[in-house]
N, C-alpha and C. Protein backbone atom coordinates (compact mmCIF):
# COMPACT_ATOMS: atom_id res chain seq x y z
N MET A 1 -32.97 14.25 -18.00
CA MET A 1 -32.14 15.08 -17.17
C MET A 1 -31.69 14.32 -15.92
N LYS A 2 -32.62 13.57 -15.31
CA LYS A 2 -32.29 12.81 -14.11
C LYS A 2 -31.23 11.75 -14.42
N THR A 3 -31.34 11.12 -15.58
CA THR A 3 -30.37 10.11 -15.99
C THR A 3 -28.99 10.74 -16.18
N SER A 4 -28.94 11.93 -16.76
CA SER A 4 -27.67 12.62 -16.98
C SER A 4 -26.99 12.94 -15.65
N CYS A 5 -27.75 13.43 -14.68
CA CYS A 5 -27.20 13.74 -13.36
C CYS A 5 -26.68 12.47 -12.68
N SER A 6 -27.43 11.40 -12.80
CA SER A 6 -27.00 10.14 -12.19
C SER A 6 -25.71 9.64 -12.83
N LEU A 7 -25.61 9.77 -14.15
CA LEU A 7 -24.41 9.34 -14.86
C LEU A 7 -23.20 10.18 -14.44
N VAL A 8 -23.37 11.48 -14.36
CA VAL A 8 -22.28 12.37 -13.95
C VAL A 8 -21.83 12.03 -12.53
N LEU A 9 -22.78 11.83 -11.62
CA LEU A 9 -22.43 11.47 -10.25
C LEU A 9 -21.72 10.12 -10.18
N ALA A 10 -22.15 9.18 -10.98
CA ALA A 10 -21.50 7.86 -11.01
C ALA A 10 -20.06 7.97 -11.51
N ILE A 11 -19.83 8.80 -12.51
CA ILE A 11 -18.48 8.99 -13.04
C ILE A 11 -17.59 9.66 -12.00
N ILE A 12 -18.09 10.69 -11.35
CA ILE A 12 -17.31 11.38 -10.31
C ILE A 12 -16.98 10.42 -9.17
N PHE A 13 -17.94 9.62 -8.77
CA PHE A 13 -17.71 8.64 -7.71
C PHE A 13 -16.65 7.62 -8.13
N ALA A 14 -16.72 7.14 -9.36
CA ALA A 14 -15.74 6.16 -9.86
C ALA A 14 -14.33 6.75 -9.86
N ILE A 15 -14.20 7.99 -10.30
CA ILE A 15 -12.89 8.65 -10.31
C ILE A 15 -12.35 8.77 -8.89
N PHE A 16 -13.20 9.13 -7.95
CA PHE A 16 -12.79 9.25 -6.55
C PHE A 16 -12.33 7.90 -6.00
N VAL A 17 -13.09 6.85 -6.24
CA VAL A 17 -12.76 5.53 -5.73
C VAL A 17 -11.45 5.03 -6.33
N ILE A 18 -11.26 5.20 -7.62
CA ILE A 18 -10.02 4.75 -8.26
C ILE A 18 -8.83 5.51 -7.69
N GLY A 19 -8.95 6.80 -7.53
CA GLY A 19 -7.86 7.60 -6.96
C GLY A 19 -7.57 7.23 -5.52
N TYR A 20 -8.59 6.96 -4.74
CA TYR A 20 -8.44 6.65 -3.32
C TYR A 20 -7.82 5.28 -3.11
N THR A 21 -8.15 4.31 -3.96
CA THR A 21 -7.67 2.94 -3.77
C THR A 21 -6.36 2.67 -4.48
N LYS A 22 -5.80 3.67 -5.13
CA LYS A 22 -4.53 3.48 -5.83
C LYS A 22 -3.47 2.96 -4.87
N GLY A 23 -3.43 3.51 -3.67
CA GLY A 23 -2.54 3.02 -2.64
C GLY A 23 -1.08 3.38 -2.85
N ARG A 24 -0.25 2.82 -1.99
CA ARG A 24 1.18 3.07 -2.06
C ARG A 24 1.85 1.98 -2.90
N PRO A 25 3.05 2.26 -3.40
CA PRO A 25 3.77 1.24 -4.18
C PRO A 25 4.02 -0.02 -3.35
N ASP A 26 4.08 -1.16 -4.03
CA ASP A 26 4.29 -2.44 -3.34
C ASP A 26 5.58 -2.46 -2.53
N PHE A 27 6.65 -1.81 -3.04
CA PHE A 27 7.92 -1.88 -2.32
C PHE A 27 7.87 -1.18 -0.96
N CYS A 28 6.86 -0.35 -0.72
CA CYS A 28 6.72 0.27 0.60
C CYS A 28 6.40 -0.78 1.67
N ASN A 29 5.97 -1.97 1.26
CA ASN A 29 5.62 -3.03 2.19
C ASN A 29 6.78 -3.97 2.48
N LEU A 30 7.94 -3.74 1.85
CA LEU A 30 9.11 -4.58 2.11
C LEU A 30 9.75 -4.19 3.43
N ASP A 31 10.38 -5.17 4.09
CA ASP A 31 11.13 -4.88 5.31
C ASP A 31 12.39 -4.10 4.96
N ALA A 32 12.91 -3.33 5.91
CA ALA A 32 14.16 -2.61 5.70
C ALA A 32 15.29 -3.63 5.54
N GLU A 33 16.19 -3.38 4.60
CA GLU A 33 17.35 -4.23 4.39
C GLU A 33 18.60 -3.37 4.44
N GLY A 34 19.46 -3.66 5.38
CA GLY A 34 20.68 -2.89 5.54
C GLY A 34 21.72 -3.13 4.46
N GLY A 35 21.60 -4.25 3.74
CA GLY A 35 22.58 -4.59 2.71
C GLY A 35 23.81 -5.25 3.31
N ARG A 36 24.72 -5.71 2.43
CA ARG A 36 25.88 -6.47 2.87
C ARG A 36 27.12 -5.61 3.09
N CYS A 37 27.17 -4.44 2.53
CA CYS A 37 28.37 -3.60 2.64
C CYS A 37 28.46 -2.95 4.02
N MET A 38 29.59 -2.33 4.29
CA MET A 38 29.88 -1.85 5.64
C MET A 38 29.79 -0.33 5.82
N ALA A 39 29.20 0.37 4.87
CA ALA A 39 29.01 1.81 5.05
C ALA A 39 28.02 2.04 6.19
N TYR A 40 27.92 3.26 6.64
CA TYR A 40 26.99 3.59 7.73
C TYR A 40 26.18 4.79 7.27
N LEU A 41 25.15 4.51 6.47
CA LEU A 41 24.34 5.57 5.87
C LEU A 41 22.97 5.61 6.54
N ARG A 42 22.61 6.77 7.03
CA ARG A 42 21.30 6.95 7.65
C ARG A 42 20.26 7.05 6.53
N ARG A 43 19.29 6.16 6.54
CA ARG A 43 18.23 6.12 5.53
C ARG A 43 16.88 5.95 6.22
N TYR A 44 15.83 6.00 5.40
CA TYR A 44 14.46 5.85 5.90
C TYR A 44 13.74 4.78 5.10
N TYR A 45 12.85 4.07 5.77
CA TYR A 45 12.00 3.07 5.13
C TYR A 45 10.59 3.21 5.68
N PHE A 46 9.63 2.70 4.93
CA PHE A 46 8.25 2.70 5.40
C PHE A 46 8.00 1.40 6.15
N ASP A 47 7.59 1.50 7.39
CA ASP A 47 7.25 0.35 8.23
C ASP A 47 5.74 0.14 8.12
N GLN A 48 5.34 -0.90 7.39
CA GLN A 48 3.91 -1.11 7.15
C GLN A 48 3.16 -1.46 8.43
N ASN A 49 3.81 -2.08 9.40
CA ASN A 49 3.13 -2.42 10.66
C ASN A 49 2.84 -1.18 11.49
N ALA A 50 3.78 -0.25 11.51
CA ALA A 50 3.59 0.99 12.27
C ALA A 50 2.82 2.03 11.46
N GLY A 51 2.83 1.87 10.14
CA GLY A 51 2.13 2.82 9.27
C GLY A 51 2.85 4.15 9.15
N THR A 52 4.18 4.14 9.28
CA THR A 52 4.95 5.38 9.22
C THR A 52 6.36 5.11 8.70
N CYS A 53 7.08 6.17 8.40
CA CYS A 53 8.47 6.05 7.97
C CYS A 53 9.38 6.03 9.19
N LYS A 54 10.39 5.16 9.14
CA LYS A 54 11.34 5.03 10.24
C LYS A 54 12.76 5.09 9.70
N GLU A 55 13.67 5.42 10.59
CA GLU A 55 15.09 5.49 10.24
C GLU A 55 15.73 4.11 10.36
N PHE A 56 16.72 3.83 9.49
CA PHE A 56 17.53 2.63 9.63
C PHE A 56 18.92 2.92 9.06
N ILE A 57 19.86 2.03 9.31
CA ILE A 57 21.22 2.19 8.80
C ILE A 57 21.40 1.28 7.59
N TYR A 58 21.83 1.89 6.48
CA TYR A 58 22.04 1.18 5.22
C TYR A 58 23.54 1.01 5.00
N GLY A 59 23.94 -0.19 4.61
CA GLY A 59 25.35 -0.49 4.41
C GLY A 59 25.95 0.04 3.12
N GLY A 60 25.12 0.47 2.18
CA GLY A 60 25.63 1.08 0.96
C GLY A 60 25.49 0.26 -0.31
N CYS A 61 25.13 -1.02 -0.20
CA CYS A 61 24.92 -1.82 -1.40
C CYS A 61 23.83 -2.86 -1.13
N GLU A 62 23.27 -3.37 -2.22
CA GLU A 62 22.16 -4.32 -2.18
C GLU A 62 20.96 -3.70 -1.48
N GLY A 63 20.25 -4.45 -0.68
CA GLY A 63 19.03 -3.92 -0.06
C GLY A 63 17.85 -4.02 -1.02
N ASN A 64 16.84 -3.16 -0.82
CA ASN A 64 15.67 -3.15 -1.69
C ASN A 64 15.20 -1.72 -1.92
N SER A 65 14.09 -1.56 -2.58
CA SER A 65 13.59 -0.22 -2.96
C SER A 65 12.93 0.54 -1.82
N ASN A 66 12.68 -0.11 -0.70
CA ASN A 66 12.11 0.58 0.46
C ASN A 66 13.27 1.21 1.23
N ASN A 67 13.93 2.17 0.58
CA ASN A 67 15.17 2.77 1.07
C ASN A 67 15.23 4.20 0.53
N PHE A 68 15.07 5.17 1.40
CA PHE A 68 14.99 6.56 0.97
C PHE A 68 16.07 7.39 1.65
N GLU A 69 16.66 8.32 0.91
CA GLU A 69 17.71 9.18 1.44
C GLU A 69 17.17 10.20 2.44
N SER A 70 15.90 10.54 2.35
CA SER A 70 15.34 11.53 3.27
C SER A 70 13.97 11.08 3.76
N LEU A 71 13.60 11.61 4.91
CA LEU A 71 12.27 11.36 5.46
C LEU A 71 11.20 11.86 4.50
N ALA A 72 11.44 13.02 3.90
CA ALA A 72 10.47 13.60 2.96
C ALA A 72 10.24 12.68 1.76
N ASP A 73 11.32 12.07 1.23
CA ASP A 73 11.17 11.15 0.11
C ASP A 73 10.31 9.95 0.51
N CYS A 74 10.56 9.41 1.69
CA CYS A 74 9.78 8.28 2.19
C CYS A 74 8.31 8.66 2.33
N GLN A 75 8.07 9.80 2.95
CA GLN A 75 6.69 10.25 3.17
C GLN A 75 5.98 10.53 1.85
N ASN A 76 6.66 11.17 0.91
CA ASN A 76 6.05 11.49 -0.37
C ASN A 76 5.74 10.24 -1.18
N THR A 77 6.60 9.23 -1.10
CA THR A 77 6.40 8.01 -1.88
C THR A 77 5.39 7.07 -1.23
N CYS A 78 5.49 6.91 0.08
CA CYS A 78 4.65 5.94 0.77
C CYS A 78 3.48 6.58 1.51
N GLY A 79 3.39 7.89 1.48
CA GLY A 79 2.20 8.59 1.94
C GLY A 79 2.07 8.82 3.42
N MET A 80 3.16 8.90 4.15
CA MET A 80 3.05 9.11 5.59
C MET A 80 3.49 10.51 5.97
N LYS A 81 3.02 10.98 7.11
CA LYS A 81 3.26 12.34 7.56
C LYS A 81 4.16 12.45 8.78
N GLU A 82 4.49 11.33 9.44
CA GLU A 82 5.29 11.41 10.66
C GLU A 82 6.31 10.28 10.70
N THR A 83 7.23 10.35 11.62
CA THR A 83 8.24 9.31 11.78
C THR A 83 8.35 8.90 13.24
N LEU A 84 8.75 7.67 13.44
CA LEU A 84 9.01 7.14 14.78
C LEU A 84 10.38 6.49 14.75
N ARG A 85 11.11 6.54 15.84
CA ARG A 85 12.42 5.88 15.90
C ARG A 85 12.35 4.66 16.76
């Protein structure tokens, strides 16, 4: 019985650790890229140094995946709850 309890606790702990260390997608660590085009689109990116989502201006083409149309999309993808300008 003691072995069964230990095994169950070990499995629960392993599931917790795997879920906790999953982390954010790699592209959340990329710098914001405005792109080469001349549009003026308000977008959000995750700033890994500040640990939060920030606003930037996107030119409309190129850039990278750390580019979200809304603050909520940035927060949901990269796991942050607040923004700084």
